[in-house]
C-alpha atoms as a PDB file:
ATOM      1  CA  MET A   1     -41.189   3.276  -0.260  1.00  0.00           C
ATOM      2  CA  ILE A   2     -39.721   1.523   2.657  1.00  0.00           C
ATOM      3  CA  THR A   3     -39.828   3.090   5.555  1.00  0.00           C
ATOM      4  CA  LYS A   4     -38.960   0.412   8.798  1.00  0.00           C
ATOM      5  CA  PRO A   5     -35.196  -0.554   9.024  1.00  0.00           C
ATOM      6  CA  LEU A   6     -33.505  -2.659   7.034  1.00  0.00           C
ATOM      7  CA  LYS A   7     -31.770  -5.769   9.290  1.00  0.00           C
ATOM      8  CA  THR A   8     -28.487  -6.219   8.003  1.00  0.00           C
ATOM      9  CA  ILE A   9     -25.176  -7.776   7.955  1.00  0.00           C
ATOM     10  CA  PHE A  10     -22.183  -6.512   7.141  1.00  0.00           C
ATOM     11  CA  LEU A  11     -19.254  -8.998   5.404  1.00  0.00           C
ATOM     12  CA  GLY A  12     -15.562  -7.156   5.441  1.00  0.00           C
ATOM     13  CA  THR A  13     -12.511  -7.247   6.702  1.00  0.00           C
ATOM     14  CA  PRO A  14      -9.684  -4.884   6.135  1.00  0.00           C
ATOM     15  CA  ASP A  15      -9.262  -0.684   6.913  1.00  0.00           C
ATOM     16  CA  PHE A  16     -10.625  -0.353   3.466  1.00  0.00           C
ATOM     17  CA  SER A  17     -13.987  -1.702   4.293  1.00  0.00           C
ATOM     18  CA  LEU A  18     -14.373   0.712   7.292  1.00  0.00           C
ATOM     19  CA  SER A  19     -16.170   3.763   5.787  1.00  0.00           C
ATOM     20  CA  THR A  20     -18.883   1.437   4.265  1.00  0.00           C
ATOM     21  CA  LEU A  21     -18.699  -0.119   7.673  1.00  0.00           C
ATOM     22  CA  GLU A  22     -19.647   3.601   9.518  1.00  0.00           C
ATOM     23  CA  MET A  23     -22.212   4.528   7.220  1.00  0.00           C
ATOM     24  CA  LEU A  24     -24.275   1.507   7.304  1.00  0.00           C
ATOM     25  CA  HIS A  25     -23.710   1.882  11.276  1.00  0.00           C
ATOM     26  CA  VAL A  26     -25.478   5.647  11.552  1.00  0.00           C
ATOM     27  CA  HIS A  27     -27.789   5.180   8.532  1.00  0.00           C
ATOM     28  CA  THR A  28     -31.158   5.545  10.130  1.00  0.00           C
ATOM     29  CA  LEU A  29     -32.924   2.975   8.055  1.00  0.00           C
ATOM     30  CA  ILE A  30     -30.579   0.344   8.559  1.00  0.00           C
ATOM     31  CA  ASP A  31     -30.619  -1.918  11.387  1.00  0.00           C
ATOM     32  CA  LEU A  32     -26.651  -3.478  11.266  1.00  0.00           C
ATOM     33  CA  VAL A  33     -27.978  -6.471  13.385  1.00  0.00           C
ATOM     34  CA  GLY A  34     -24.364  -8.248  12.364  1.00  0.00           C
ATOM     35  CA  VAL A  35     -20.671  -8.188  11.160  1.00  0.00           C
ATOM     36  CA  VAL A  36     -18.825 -11.033   9.685  1.00  0.00           C
ATOM     37  CA  THR A  37     -15.325 -11.104   9.268  1.00  0.00           C
ATOM     38  CA  MET A  38     -11.983 -12.984   9.454  1.00  0.00           C
ATOM     39  CA  PRO A  39     -10.350 -14.490  12.460  1.00  0.00           C
ATOM     40  CA  ASP A  40      -7.833 -12.775  14.036  1.00  0.00           C
ATOM     41  CA  ARG A  41      -3.946 -13.448  12.818  1.00  0.00           C
ATOM     42  CA  PRO A  42      -0.729 -12.912  13.382  1.00  0.00           C
ATOM     43  CA  ALA A  43       1.081  -9.882  11.878  1.00  0.00           C
ATOM     44  CA  GLY A  44       4.427  -7.997  11.574  1.00  0.00           C
ATOM     45  CA  ARG A  45       7.499  -9.209  12.839  1.00  0.00           C
ATOM     46  CA  GLY A  46       6.944 -10.121  15.971  1.00  0.00           C
ATOM     47  CA  LYS A  47       3.920 -11.926  14.721  1.00  0.00           C
ATOM     48  CA  LYS A  48       1.329 -10.281  17.035  1.00  0.00           C
ATOM     49  CA  ILE A  49      -1.883 -11.422  16.979  1.00  0.00           C
ATOM     50  CA  ILE A  50      -3.907  -8.779  15.363  1.00  0.00           C
ATOM     51  CA  SER A  51      -8.039  -8.396  14.573  1.00  0.00           C
ATOM     52  CA  PRO A  52      -9.201  -7.091  11.143  1.00  0.00           C
ATOM     53  CA  ALA A  53      -9.848  -3.311  11.365  1.00  0.00           C
ATOM     54  CA  VAL A  54     -13.675  -4.458  11.011  1.00  0.00           C
ATOM     55  CA  ALA A  55     -13.579  -6.381  14.164  1.00  0.00           C
ATOM     56  CA  ASP A  56     -12.165  -3.763  16.188  1.00  0.00           C
ATOM     57  CA  PHE A  57     -15.068  -1.437  14.870  1.00  0.00           C
ATOM     58  CA  ALA A  58     -17.526  -4.398  15.546  1.00  0.00           C
ATOM     59  CA  LYS A  59     -16.486  -4.478  19.121  1.00  0.00           C
ATOM     60  CA  VAL A  60     -16.269  -1.107  19.950  1.00  0.00           C
ATOM     61  CA  LYS A  61     -19.405  -0.022  18.832  1.00  0.00           C
ATOM     62  CA  LYS A  62     -21.173  -3.576  20.387  1.00  0.00           C
ATOM     63  CA  ILE A  63     -22.224  -4.752  16.918  1.00  0.00           C
ATOM     64  CA  PRO A  64     -22.867  -8.525  17.138  1.00  0.00           C
ATOM     65  CA  LEU A  65     -19.780  -9.696  15.697  1.00  0.00           C
ATOM     66  CA  VAL A  66     -18.710 -13.498  14.145  1.00  0.00           C
ATOM     67  CA  GLN A  67     -15.220 -14.307  13.107  1.00  0.00           C
ATOM     68  CA  THR A  68     -14.606 -17.286  10.727  1.00  0.00           C
ATOM     69  CA  PRO A  69     -11.958 -18.400   7.974  1.00  0.00           C
ATOM     70  CA  ASN A  70     -15.517 -19.778   6.235  1.00  0.00           C
ATOM     71  CA  VAL A  71     -18.732 -18.510   6.779  1.00  0.00           C
ATOM     72  CA  ASN A  72     -20.351 -20.710   4.661  1.00  0.00           C
ATOM     73  CA  ARG A  73     -19.532 -23.430   7.151  1.00  0.00           C
ATOM     74  CA  CYS A  74     -20.019 -21.720  10.442  1.00  0.00           C
ATOM     75  CA  GLU A  75     -22.627 -22.809  12.728  1.00  0.00           C
ATOM     76  CA  GLU A  76     -22.457 -19.467  14.909  1.00  0.00           C
ATOM     77  CA  PHE A  77     -23.586 -17.654  11.509  1.00  0.00           C
ATOM     78  CA  PHE A  78     -26.246 -19.698  10.481  1.00  0.00           C
ATOM     79  CA  ASN A  79     -27.977 -20.355  14.637  1.00  0.00           C
ATOM     80  CA  THR A  80     -27.845 -16.598  14.754  1.00  0.00           C
ATOM     81  CA  TYR A  81     -29.512 -15.433  10.919  1.00  0.00           C
ATOM     82  CA  ASN A  82     -31.631 -16.873   8.683  1.00  0.00           C
ATOM     83  CA  GLY A  83     -34.362 -15.237   6.030  1.00  0.00           C
ATOM     84  CA  ASP A  84     -36.446 -14.274   9.131  1.00  0.00           C
ATOM     85  CA  ASN A  85     -34.203 -11.870  10.533  1.00  0.00           C
ATOM     86  CA  VAL A  86     -32.044 -10.518   7.896  1.00  0.00           C
ATOM     87  CA  ASP A  87     -33.476  -8.113   5.203  1.00  0.00           C
ATOM     88  CA  LEU A  88     -29.863  -7.544   3.324  1.00  0.00           C
ATOM     89  CA  ILE A  89     -26.248  -8.503   3.402  1.00  0.00           C
ATOM     90  CA  ILE A  90     -23.806  -6.257   2.006  1.00  0.00           C
ATOM     91  CA  VAL A  91     -20.045  -7.595   1.167  1.00  0.00           C
ATOM     92  CA  LEU A  92     -17.299  -5.431   0.678  1.00  0.00           C
ATOM     93  CA  ALA A  93     -13.592  -6.727   0.818  1.00  0.00           C
ATOM     94  CA  PHE A  94     -14.496 -10.083   2.537  1.00  0.00           C
ATOM     95  CA  ALA A  95     -12.100 -12.276   0.669  1.00  0.00           C
ATOM     96  CA  GLN A  96     -14.406 -15.288   1.211  1.00  0.00           C
ATOM     97  CA  PHE A  97     -16.835 -16.284  -1.689  1.00  0.00           C
ATOM     98  CA  LEU A  98     -20.268 -17.235  -0.407  1.00  0.00           C
ATOM     99  CA  GLY A  99     -22.589 -20.265  -1.068  1.00  0.00           C
ATOM    100  CA  LYS A 100     -25.951 -20.857  -2.231  1.00  0.00           C
ATOM    101  CA  LYS A 101     -27.384 -20.975   1.283  1.00  0.00           C
ATOM    102  CA  ILE A 102     -26.429 -17.392   1.872  1.00  0.00           C
ATOM    103  CA  LEU A 103     -26.978 -15.878  -1.182  1.00  0.00           C
ATOM    104  CA  SER A 104     -30.482 -17.149  -0.763  1.00  0.00           C
ATOM    105  CA  MET A 105     -31.102 -15.680   2.537  1.00  0.00           C
ATOM    106  CA  PRO A 106     -32.028 -12.535   2.699  1.00  0.00           C
ATOM    107  CA  PRO A 107     -35.261 -11.317   0.806  1.00  0.00           C
ATOM    108  CA  LEU A 108     -33.418  -8.507  -0.501  1.00  0.00           C
ATOM    109  CA  GLY A 109     -30.647 -10.239  -1.684  1.00  0.00           C
ATOM    110  CA  CYS A 110     -26.406  -9.976  -1.084  1.00  0.00           C
ATOM    111  CA  PHE A 111     -24.739  -6.840  -2.633  1.00  0.00           C
ATOM    112  CA  ASN A 112     -21.331  -6.651  -3.102  1.00  0.00           C
ATOM    113  CA  ILE A 113     -19.227  -3.494  -3.779  1.00  0.00           C
ATOM    114  CA  HIS A 114     -16.290  -4.004  -6.296  1.00  0.00           C
ATOM    115  CA  THR A 115     -13.853  -0.768  -6.755  1.00  0.00           C
ATOM    116  CA  SER A 116     -13.931  -1.165 -10.571  1.00  0.00           C
ATOM    117  CA  LEU A 117     -16.451  -0.636 -13.668  1.00  0.00           C
ATOM    118  CA  LEU A 118     -17.412  -4.612 -14.024  1.00  0.00           C
ATOM    119  CA  PRO A 119     -16.955  -6.376 -15.842  1.00  0.00           C
ATOM    120  CA  LYS A 120     -13.949  -4.758 -16.587  1.00  0.00           C
ATOM    121  CA  TYR A 121     -11.147  -6.169 -13.646  1.00  0.00           C
ATOM    122  CA  ARG A 122     -12.819  -8.755 -11.695  1.00  0.00           C
ATOM    123  CA  GLY A 123     -10.906 -10.092  -8.903  1.00  0.00           C
ATOM    124  CA  ALA A 124      -9.211  -9.221  -5.798  1.00  0.00           C
ATOM    125  CA  ALA A 125      -6.860  -5.912  -7.169  1.00  0.00           C
ATOM    126  CA  PRO A 126      -8.825  -3.656  -9.070  1.00  0.00           C
ATOM    127  CA  ILE A 127      -7.375  -0.799  -7.828  1.00  0.00           C
ATOM    128  CA  GLN A 128      -3.551  -1.695  -8.760  1.00  0.00           C
ATOM    129  CA  TYR A 129      -4.715  -3.187 -12.464  1.00  0.00           C
ATOM    130  CA  ALA A 130      -6.000   0.420 -13.419  1.00  0.00           C
ATOM    131  CA  LEU A 131      -2.868   1.990 -12.414  1.00  0.00           C
ATOM    132  CA  LEU A 132      -0.544  -0.893 -13.962  1.00  0.00           C
ATOM    133  CA  ASN A 133      -2.634  -0.485 -16.992  1.00  0.00           C
ATOM    134  CA  GLY A 134      -2.801   2.973 -17.370  1.00  0.00           C
ATOM    135  CA  ASP A 135      -6.002   3.762 -17.118  1.00  0.00           C
ATOM    136  CA  GLU A 136      -7.680   7.545 -17.003  1.00  0.00           C
ATOM    137  CA  SER A 137     -10.961   6.291 -15.039  1.00  0.00           C
ATOM    138  CA  THR A 138     -12.089   3.745 -12.768  1.00  0.00           C
ATOM    139  CA  GLY A 139     -14.816   3.478 -10.559  1.00  0.00           C
ATOM    140  CA  VAL A 140     -17.567   1.760  -8.333  1.00  0.00           C
ATOM    141  CA  SER A 141     -19.946  -0.832  -8.916  1.00  0.00           C
ATOM    142  CA  ILE A 142     -22.301  -2.721  -6.677  1.00  0.00           C
ATOM    143  CA  GLN A 143     -23.778  -5.924  -8.243  1.00  0.00           C
ATOM    144  CA  LYS A 144     -26.118  -8.389  -6.695  1.00  0.00           C
ATOM    145  CA  MET A 145     -24.156 -11.549  -6.016  1.00  0.00           C
ATOM    146  CA  VAL A 146     -24.251 -15.027  -7.688  1.00  0.00           C
ATOM    147  CA  LYS A 147     -21.850 -18.103  -7.138  1.00  0.00           C
ATOM    148  CA  GLN A 148     -19.571 -17.196 -10.099  1.00  0.00           C
ATOM    149  CA  MET A 149     -16.716 -14.132  -8.946  1.00  0.00           C
ATOM    150  CA  ASP A 150     -18.173 -10.291  -9.342  1.00  0.00           C
ATOM    151  CA  ALA A 151     -20.428 -11.588 -11.939  1.00  0.00           C
ATOM    152  CA  GLY A 152     -23.743 -10.810 -10.977  1.00  0.00           C
ATOM    153  CA  ASP A 153     -25.966  -8.159 -12.305  1.00  0.00           C
ATOM    154  CA  ILE A 154     -25.103  -4.519 -11.742  1.00  0.00           C
ATOM    155  CA  CYS A 155     -27.223  -2.752  -9.321  1.00  0.00           C
ATOM    156  CA  TYR A 156     -24.958   0.920  -9.128  1.00  0.00           C
ATOM    157  CA  SER A 157     -22.118   2.049 -11.287  1.00  0.00           C
ATOM    158  CA  LYS A 158     -20.318   5.275 -10.764  1.00  0.00           C
ATOM    159  CA  ASP A 159     -17.019   6.110 -12.685  1.00  0.00           C
ATOM    160  CA  LEU A 160     -14.162   8.287 -11.041  1.00  0.00           C
ATOM    161  CA  ASP A 161     -11.217   9.750 -12.709  1.00  0.00           C
ATOM    162  CA  ILE A 162      -7.695   8.534 -12.004  1.00  0.00           C
ATOM    163  CA  ALA A 163      -4.966  11.630 -11.827  1.00  0.00           C
ATOM    164  CA  PRO A 164      -2.092  11.414 -14.458  1.00  0.00           C
ATOM    165  CA  TYR A 165      -0.248  11.532 -10.870  1.00  0.00           C
ATOM    166  CA  GLU A 166      -1.819   9.132  -8.518  1.00  0.00           C
ATOM    167  CA  SER A 167      -0.569   6.563  -6.531  1.00  0.00           C
ATOM    168  CA  GLY A 168      -2.280   3.027  -5.603  1.00  0.00           C
ATOM    169  CA  GLY A 169      -2.385   4.613  -1.947  1.00  0.00           C
ATOM    170  CA  GLN A 170      -4.242   7.697  -2.711  1.00  0.00           C
ATOM    171  CA  LEU A 171      -6.506   5.973  -5.318  1.00  0.00           C
ATOM    172  CA  TYR A 172      -7.167   3.422  -2.791  1.00  0.00           C
ATOM    173  CA  THR A 173      -8.039   5.969  -0.040  1.00  0.00           C
ATOM    174  CA  ARG A 174     -10.626   7.993  -2.924  1.00  0.00           C
ATOM    175  CA  LEU A 175     -12.236   4.532  -3.663  1.00  0.00           C
ATOM    176  CA  LYS A 176     -12.898   3.732   0.049  1.00  0.00           C
ATOM    177  CA  PHE A 177     -15.048   6.916   0.800  1.00  0.00           C
ATOM    178  CA  ALA A 178     -16.376   6.759  -2.829  1.00  0.00           C
ATOM    179  CA  ALA A 179     -17.763   2.929  -1.978  1.00  0.00           C
ATOM    180  CA  ALA A 180     -19.238   4.387   1.150  1.00  0.00           C
ATOM    181  CA  LEU A 181     -20.893   7.261  -0.987  1.00  0.00           C
ATOM    182  CA  GLY A 182     -21.655   4.730  -3.334  1.00  0.00           C
ATOM    183  CA  LEU A 183     -23.539   2.505  -0.965  1.00  0.00           C
ATOM    184  CA  ASN A 184     -25.629   4.870   0.683  1.00  0.00           C
ATOM    185  CA  GLU A 185     -26.800   6.079  -2.597  1.00  0.00           C
ATOM    186  CA  PHE A 186     -27.594   2.449  -3.336  1.00  0.00           C
ATOM    187  CA  ILE A 187     -29.598   2.500  -0.344  1.00  0.00           C
ATOM    188  CA  GLU A 188     -31.531   5.229  -1.394  1.00  0.00           C
ATOM    189  CA  ASP A 189     -32.849   3.077  -4.346  1.00  0.00           C
ATOM    190  CA  ILE A 190     -33.505  -0.040  -2.332  1.00  0.00           C
ATOM    191  CA  LEU A 191     -35.665   2.427   0.138  1.00  0.00           C
ATOM    192  CA  ALA A 192     -37.701   3.996  -2.946  1.00  0.00           C
ATOM    193  CA  LYS A 193     -37.977   0.555  -4.829  1.00  0.00           C
ATOM    194  CA  LYS A 194     -36.241   1.829  -7.798  1.00  0.00           C
ATOM    195  CA  ILE A 195     -33.268  -0.274  -7.949  1.00  0.00           C
ATOM    196  CA  THR A 196     -33.012  -1.695 -12.019  1.00  0.00           C
ATOM    197  CA  TYR A 197     -30.128  -4.479 -12.560  1.00  0.00           C
ATOM    198  CA  THR A 198     -27.980  -4.870 -15.729  1.00  0.00           C
ATOM    199  CA  LYS A 199     -26.248  -7.598 -16.915  1.00  0.00           C
ATOM    200  CA  GLN A 200     -22.593  -7.705 -17.234  1.00  0.00           C
ATOM    201  CA  ASN A 201     -21.388  -8.069 -21.205  1.00  0.00           C
ATOM    202  CA  ASP A 202     -19.440 -11.298 -20.963  1.00  0.00           C
ATOM    203  CA  ASP A 203     -17.121  -9.811 -23.892  1.00  0.00           C
ATOM    204  CA  GLU A 204     -16.161  -7.036 -21.949  1.00  0.00           C
ATOM    205  CA  VAL A 205     -14.778  -8.925 -18.834  1.00  0.00           C
ATOM    206  CA  SER A 206     -11.171  -8.727 -17.686  1.00  0.00           C
ATOM    207  CA  PHE A 207      -9.586  -9.697 -14.521  1.00  0.00           C
ATOM    208  CA  ALA A 208      -7.641  -8.326 -11.745  1.00  0.00           C
ATOM    209  CA  PRO A 209      -5.956 -11.382  -9.612  1.00  0.00           C
ATOM    210  CA  THR A 210      -4.160 -11.412  -6.238  1.00  0.00           C
ATOM    211  CA  ILE A 211      -0.731  -9.118  -6.736  1.00  0.00           C
ATOM    212  CA  SER A 212       2.423 -10.570  -5.769  1.00  0.00           C
ATOM    213  CA  LYS A 213       5.858  -9.047  -4.397  1.00  0.00           C
ATOM    214  CA  GLU A 214       7.594 -10.408  -7.476  1.00  0.00           C
ATOM    215  CA  MET A 215       5.351  -8.170  -9.654  1.00  0.00           C
ATOM    216  CA  GLY A 216       6.838  -4.886  -8.793  1.00  0.00           C
ATOM    217  CA  ARG A 217      10.014  -6.406 -10.408  1.00  0.00           C
ATOM    218  CA  ILE A 218      11.778  -3.931 -13.017  1.00  0.00           C
ATOM    219  CA  ASP A 219      12.961  -5.540 -16.214  1.00  0.00           C
ATOM    220  CA  PHE A 220      14.984  -2.902 -17.775  1.00  0.00           C
ATOM    221  CA  LYS A 221      15.744  -4.753 -20.962  1.00  0.00           C
ATOM    222  CA  LYS A 222      11.485  -5.473 -21.535  1.00  0.00           C
ATOM    223  CA  ASP A 223       9.527  -2.945 -19.406  1.00  0.00           C
ATOM    224  CA  SER A 224       8.891   0.419 -21.477  1.00  0.00           C
ATOM    225  CA  PHE A 225       9.318   3.612 -19.221  1.00  0.00           C
ATOM    226  CA  LYS A 226       5.389   4.154 -19.405  1.00  0.00           C
ATOM    227  CA  ALA A 227       5.104   0.294 -17.749  1.00  0.00           C
ATOM    228  CA  ILE A 228       7.922   0.827 -15.173  1.00  0.00           C
ATOM    229  CA  LYS A 229       6.009   4.469 -14.363  1.00  0.00           C
ATOM    230  CA  ASN A 230       2.769   2.728 -13.973  1.00  0.00           C
ATOM    231  CA  LYS A 231       4.514  -0.288 -11.887  1.00  0.00           C
ATOM    232  CA  ILE A 232       5.877   2.596  -9.580  1.00  0.00           C
ATOM    233  CA  ARG A 233       2.449   4.301  -9.351  1.00  0.00           C
ATOM    234  CA  ALA A 234       0.349   1.047  -9.181  1.00  0.00           C
ATOM    235  CA  PHE A 235       2.412  -0.775  -6.647  1.00  0.00           C
ATOM    236  CA  ASP A 236       2.751   2.372  -4.271  1.00  0.00           C
ATOM    237  CA  PRO A 237       2.349   1.644  -0.908  1.00  0.00           C
ATOM    238  CA  TRP A 238       2.666  -2.276  -1.794  1.00  0.00           C
ATOM    239  CA  PRO A 239       4.761  -4.297  -2.552  1.00  0.00           C
ATOM    240  CA  GLY A 240       6.590  -1.662  -4.306  1.00  0.00           C
ATOM    241  CA  THR A 241       8.498  -1.242  -6.723  1.00  0.00           C
ATOM    242  CA  PHE A 242      12.441  -2.640  -7.470  1.00  0.00           C
ATOM    243  CA  CYS A 243      15.150  -3.732  -8.859  1.00  0.00           C
ATOM    244  CA  PHE A 244      18.699  -5.210  -7.851  1.00  0.00           C
ATOM    245  CA  PHE A 245      21.686  -2.988  -7.360  1.00  0.00           C
ATOM    246  CA  ASN A 246      25.135  -4.690  -7.007  1.00  0.00           C
ATOM    247  CA  ASN A 247      22.719  -7.507  -5.629  1.00  0.00           C
ATOM    248  CA  LYS A 248      21.046  -5.745  -3.406  1.00  0.00           C
ATOM    249  CA  ARG A 249      17.437  -4.469  -3.786  1.00  0.00           C
ATOM    250  CA  LEU A 250      16.864  -1.461  -4.485  1.00  0.00           C
ATOM    251  CA  LYS A 251      13.192   0.247  -4.059  1.00  0.00           C
ATOM    252  CA  VAL A 252      12.422   2.603  -6.872  1.00  0.00           C
ATOM    253  CA  PHE A 253       9.960   5.662  -6.077  1.00  0.00           C
ATOM    254  CA  SER A 254      10.388   7.893  -8.938  1.00  0.00           C
ATOM    255  CA  VAL A 255      11.987   7.965 -12.215  1.00  0.00           C
ATOM    256  CA  LEU A 256      12.665  10.216 -14.973  1.00  0.00           C
ATOM    257  CA  LYS A 257      13.121   9.746 -18.619  1.00  0.00           C
ATOM    258  CA  LEU A 258      16.311  11.001 -20.084  1.00  0.00           C
ATOM    259  CA  GLU A 259      16.960  11.989 -23.906  1.00  0.00           C
ATOM    260  CA  SER A 260      20.378  10.718 -23.742  1.00  0.00           C
ATOM    261  CA  SER A 261      20.794   6.854 -24.944  1.00  0.00           C
ATOM    262  CA  GLY A 262      22.605   3.960 -23.242  1.00  0.00           C
ATOM    263  CA  GLU A 263      22.929   0.741 -23.432  1.00  0.00           C
ATOM    264  CA  VAL A 264      20.411  -1.554 -22.230  1.00  0.00           C
ATOM    265  CA  GLY A 265      20.475  -2.097 -18.504  1.00  0.00           C
ATOM    266  CA  VAL A 266      23.692  -0.824 -18.346  1.00  0.00           C
ATOM    267  CA  VAL A 267      24.373   1.825 -15.274  1.00  0.00           C
ATOM    268  CA  ASN A 268      25.685   5.161 -15.858  1.00  0.00           C
ATOM    269  CA  VAL A 269      26.654   7.494 -13.260  1.00  0.00           C
ATOM    270  CA  ALA A 270      29.366   9.856 -15.131  1.00  0.00           C
ATOM    271  CA  GLU A 271      27.201  13.242 -13.616  1.00  0.00           C
ATOM    272  CA  ASN A 272      26.224  11.772 -10.428  1.00  0.00           C
ATOM    273  CA  THR A 273      23.018  10.313 -10.907  1.00  0.00           C
ATOM    274  CA  LEU A 274      21.953   6.879 -11.513  1.00  0.00           C
ATOM    275  CA  ASN A 275      20.941   6.624 -15.053  1.00  0.00           C
ATOM    276  CA  ILE A 276      20.003   3.286 -16.661  1.00  0.00           C
ATOM    277  CA  GLY A 277      20.482   2.686 -20.454  1.00  0.00           C
ATOM    278  CA  MET A 278      17.153   1.992 -22.219  1.00  0.00           C
ATOM    279  CA  GLY A 279      18.554   2.008 -25.950  1.00  0.00           C
ATOM    280  CA  ASP A 280      17.466   5.476 -27.696  1.00  0.00           C
ATOM    281  CA  PHE A 281      16.862   7.376 -24.233  1.00  0.00           C
ATOM    282  CA  SER A 282      17.833   6.268 -19.794  1.00  0.00           C
ATOM    283  CA  ILE A 283      15.868   6.276 -16.762  1.00  0.00           C
ATOM    284  CA  ARG A 284      16.969   8.145 -14.058  1.00  0.00           C
ATOM    285  CA  LEU A 285      16.052   6.485 -11.120  1.00  0.00           C
ATOM    286  CA  THR A 286      15.407   9.794  -8.533  1.00  0.00           C
ATOM    287  CA  ASN A 287      14.114   8.503  -5.659  1.00  0.00           C
ATOM    288  CA  VAL A 288      15.506   5.364  -4.350  1.00  0.00           C
ATOM    289  CA  GLN A 289      16.314   3.230  -1.158  1.00  0.00           C
ATOM    290  CA  LEU A 290      19.157   0.485  -1.269  1.00  0.00           C
ATOM    291  CA  GLU A 291      18.239  -2.713   0.845  1.00  0.00           C
ATOM    292  CA  GLY A 292      19.430  -1.584   5.319  1.00  0.00           C
ATOM    293  CA  LYS A 293      19.497   1.996   3.988  1.00  0.00           C
ATOM    294  CA  LYS A 294      17.044   5.199   4.337  1.00  0.00           C
ATOM    295  CA  ARG A 295      15.023   6.939   1.510  1.00  0.00           C
ATOM    296  CA  CYS A 296      17.079   9.053  -0.612  1.00  0.00           C
ATOM    297  CA  THR A 297      17.688  10.677  -3.797  1.00  0.00           C
ATOM    298  CA  ASP A 298      19.993   8.871  -6.036  1.00  0.00           C
ATOM    299  CA  ILE A 299      22.753  11.535  -5.760  1.00  0.00           C
ATOM    300  CA  GLU A 300      22.455  10.682  -2.135  1.00  0.00           C
ATOM    301  CA  LEU A 301      22.998   7.209  -2.420  1.00  0.00           C
ATOM    302  CA  LEU A 302      25.685   7.122  -4.875  1.00  0.00           C
ATOM    303  CA  ASN A 303      27.226  10.025  -2.653  1.00  0.00           C
ATOM    304  CA  GLY A 304      27.434   7.311   0.448  1.00  0.00           C
ATOM    305  CA  LEU A 305      28.812   4.465  -1.723  1.00  0.00           C
ATOM    306  CA  LYS A 306      31.868   6.484  -2.861  1.00  0.00           C
ATOM    307  CA  ASN A 307      34.810   4.106  -2.204  1.00  0.00           C
ATOM    308  CA  GLY A 308      37.257   4.187  -5.017  1.00  0.00           C
ATOM    309  CA  SER A 309      34.630   2.426  -7.270  1.00  0.00           C
ATOM    310  CA  SER A 310      32.684   3.728 -10.063  1.00  0.00           C
ATOM    311  CA  GLU A 311      31.171   0.070 -11.313  1.00  0.00           C
ATOM    312  CA  PHE A 312      27.603  -0.771 -10.757  1.00  0.00           C
ATOM    313  CA  ILE A 313      25.387  -3.407 -11.988  1.00  0.00           C
ATOM    314  CA  VAL A 314      21.422  -3.395 -12.074  1.00  0.00           C
ATOM    315  CA  SER A 315      19.573  -6.390 -12.461  1.00  0.00           C
END
């Protein structure tokens, strides 16, 4: 049993990392000797310089902080840390690969927390892909890091059910806390010297690459109703799901499947609701936001657009 606090460095960047960082900060057998994150960057319409959430936390708590676009080439990092003053490195949503020199630095190893049940959904967007594919469960994995992305041996794994109505934002929040709780359990295994390593099955590997804005676009001629529903869940709150309505971007927040048939991709507003034909059935876009307008129901949208014309086109 290890009873001496483990000298630990945490590498992470966004708000998603904060619960885990907080847990490390207050853990009685973790000596948080440093935090590494990305540099401050301009954000928003005004391009105001914003610090990563992890950097703000480190500054407030007076934890030694390194901000760098490439930790593998950061002299400040290597001048401060080496194998003698670091026992453990924890990584969550850091957005940088670690080179061999860092991976071999801590005696206990470098461990990455990943929000899927590896080897499923290696990559940057496991939460979105789980919803996009209609999965009923996901989870948290902790793997000992190697040079290949998310390919290290699994040291901890815990599953998490996905509710049928759950959005990307909701699942993000639950996994944010599940990651912290999972790491807390994993640290107990480290302290008790009970870590076990399970090699990933290469035959079961799948990937979750970075999400683009264009992935949220609805194709009424190709997408099934289930695919559209899954897009809405997966891409809420970002990048959002949309189509074009009379050449203006229309964000779509919820839909209903209707039994009435309709020509594929053709709009029907006969009952003052926004229905799109899908062949044997139709889809009603029940909650939407037209470019330059407020979010509203389809009925409110159509009432606001009445100008003597009832011809509408979606694409």
